[in-house]
Amino acid sequence: MGEAVQIDATATPPPAPSERPSRGDFAIGDTVSFEGRDLIQRLDTIVRINQKTAALSCDGHQWRVSFSRFFRRRLADAALKSFAQDCARILHVILP
């Protein structure tokens, strides 16, 4: 006969996989962030929702991103982005 298997009762189970965001977690107008292929973190607004992706608008560019790549951002982050965009517009007017 084989040897008995001993189980360590103090071992902790592996952590549960984190839940990925899905289509139902987001709406048009939500501000989300994602990391692009170039590893740059972007903060964008959802302008259209498709079955598997969402279309985002940021600085005149549009991105199609899978919902699983999104991070929901705090309102403060959205306000900071808006402030930065306003400053850029003002500087562009002052320093053509």
Protein backbone atom coordinates (compact mmCIF):
# COMPACT_ATOMS: atom_id res chain seq x y z
CA MET A 1 0.00 0.00 0.00
CA GLY A 2 0.99 3.61 -0.55
CA GLU A 3 1.93 6.15 2.06
CA ALA A 4 -0.68 8.42 3.62
CA VAL A 5 -0.81 11.99 2.32
CA GLN A 6 -0.46 14.60 5.03
CA ILE A 7 -2.40 17.86 4.62
CA ASP A 8 -1.10 21.05 6.18
CA ALA A 9 -4.13 22.62 7.89
CA THR A 10 -2.32 25.94 8.33
CA ALA A 11 -1.77 26.48 4.61
CA THR A 12 -3.89 29.24 3.12
CA PRO A 13 -5.85 28.63 -0.08
CA PRO A 14 -4.72 30.50 -3.19
CA PRO A 15 -6.33 33.92 -3.62
CA ALA A 16 -9.49 34.04 -5.68
CA PRO A 17 -8.98 35.45 -9.16
CA SER A 18 -9.92 39.11 -9.36
CA GLU A 19 -13.16 39.77 -11.15
CA ARG A 20 -12.67 41.42 -14.50
CA PRO A 21 -14.93 44.32 -15.37
CA SER A 22 -17.61 43.59 -17.94
CA ARG A 23 -19.82 45.57 -20.29
CA GLY A 24 -22.51 46.05 -17.64
CA ASP A 25 -20.07 47.83 -15.32
CA PHE A 26 -19.71 50.85 -17.61
CA ALA A 27 -21.88 53.46 -19.33
CA ILE A 28 -21.35 56.12 -21.98
CA GLY A 29 -19.74 59.16 -20.37
CA ASP A 30 -17.85 57.17 -17.72
CA THR A 31 -14.23 58.14 -17.23
CA VAL A 32 -11.92 55.14 -17.27
CA SER A 33 -8.23 54.52 -17.58
CA PHE A 34 -6.32 51.81 -19.36
CA GLU A 35 -2.74 50.97 -20.17
CA GLY A 36 -2.05 51.02 -23.88
CA ARG A 37 0.29 48.77 -25.82
CA ASP A 38 2.95 51.44 -25.39
CA LEU A 39 2.58 50.99 -21.58
CA ILE A 40 1.31 54.54 -21.17
CA GLN A 41 -1.64 54.95 -18.81
CA ARG A 42 -4.46 56.91 -20.43
CA LEU A 43 -7.52 58.56 -18.89
CA ASP A 44 -10.43 58.64 -21.35
CA THR A 45 -14.19 59.01 -21.63
CA ILE A 46 -16.41 56.27 -23.04
CA VAL A 47 -18.24 57.54 -26.15
CA ARG A 48 -19.68 54.25 -27.49
CA ILE A 49 -20.20 50.77 -26.08
CA ASN A 50 -19.96 47.68 -28.30
CA GLN A 51 -20.46 44.05 -27.33
CA LYS A 52 -16.82 43.32 -26.48
CA THR A 53 -15.14 46.74 -26.54
CA ALA A 54 -15.79 50.39 -25.83
CA ALA A 55 -14.80 53.37 -27.94
CA LEU A 56 -12.93 56.01 -25.97
CA SER A 57 -12.16 59.60 -26.87
CA CYS A 58 -9.00 61.29 -25.65
CA ASP A 59 -7.22 64.36 -27.00
CA GLY A 60 -8.71 64.00 -30.47
CA HIS A 61 -7.88 60.30 -30.75
CA GLN A 62 -10.27 57.37 -30.50
CA TRP A 63 -9.41 54.01 -28.99
CA ARG A 64 -11.25 50.69 -29.00
CA VAL A 65 -10.48 48.90 -25.76
CA SER A 66 -11.68 45.64 -24.20
CA PHE A 67 -13.62 46.08 -20.95
CA SER A 68 -11.18 43.80 -19.13
CA ARG A 69 -8.40 46.40 -19.60
CA PHE A 70 -10.30 49.22 -17.85
CA PHE A 71 -9.73 50.70 -14.43
CA ARG A 72 -12.50 52.95 -13.13
CA ARG A 73 -10.99 56.26 -12.04
CA ARG A 74 -11.96 58.50 -9.16
CA LEU A 75 -13.74 61.77 -9.87
CA ALA A 76 -10.63 63.63 -8.68
CA ASP A 77 -8.63 62.07 -11.51
CA ALA A 78 -11.18 63.25 -14.06
CA ALA A 79 -11.13 66.75 -12.57
CA LEU A 80 -7.33 66.76 -12.72
CA LYS A 81 -7.38 65.78 -16.40
CA SER A 82 -9.89 68.53 -17.15
CA PHE A 83 -7.71 71.06 -15.32
CA ALA A 84 -4.62 69.94 -17.27
CA GLN A 85 -6.49 70.27 -20.57
CA ASP A 86 -7.67 73.78 -19.62
CA CYS A 87 -4.10 74.80 -18.75
CA ALA A 88 -2.85 73.43 -22.08
CA ARG A 89 -5.47 75.46 -23.97
CA ILE A 90 -4.53 78.63 -22.07
CA LEU A 91 -0.82 78.12 -22.73
CA HIS A 92 -1.53 77.48 -26.39
CA VAL A 93 -3.34 80.82 -26.61
CA ILE A 94 -0.62 82.72 -24.71
CA LEU A 95 2.34 80.97 -26.37
CA PRO A 96 1.36 80.21 -29.97
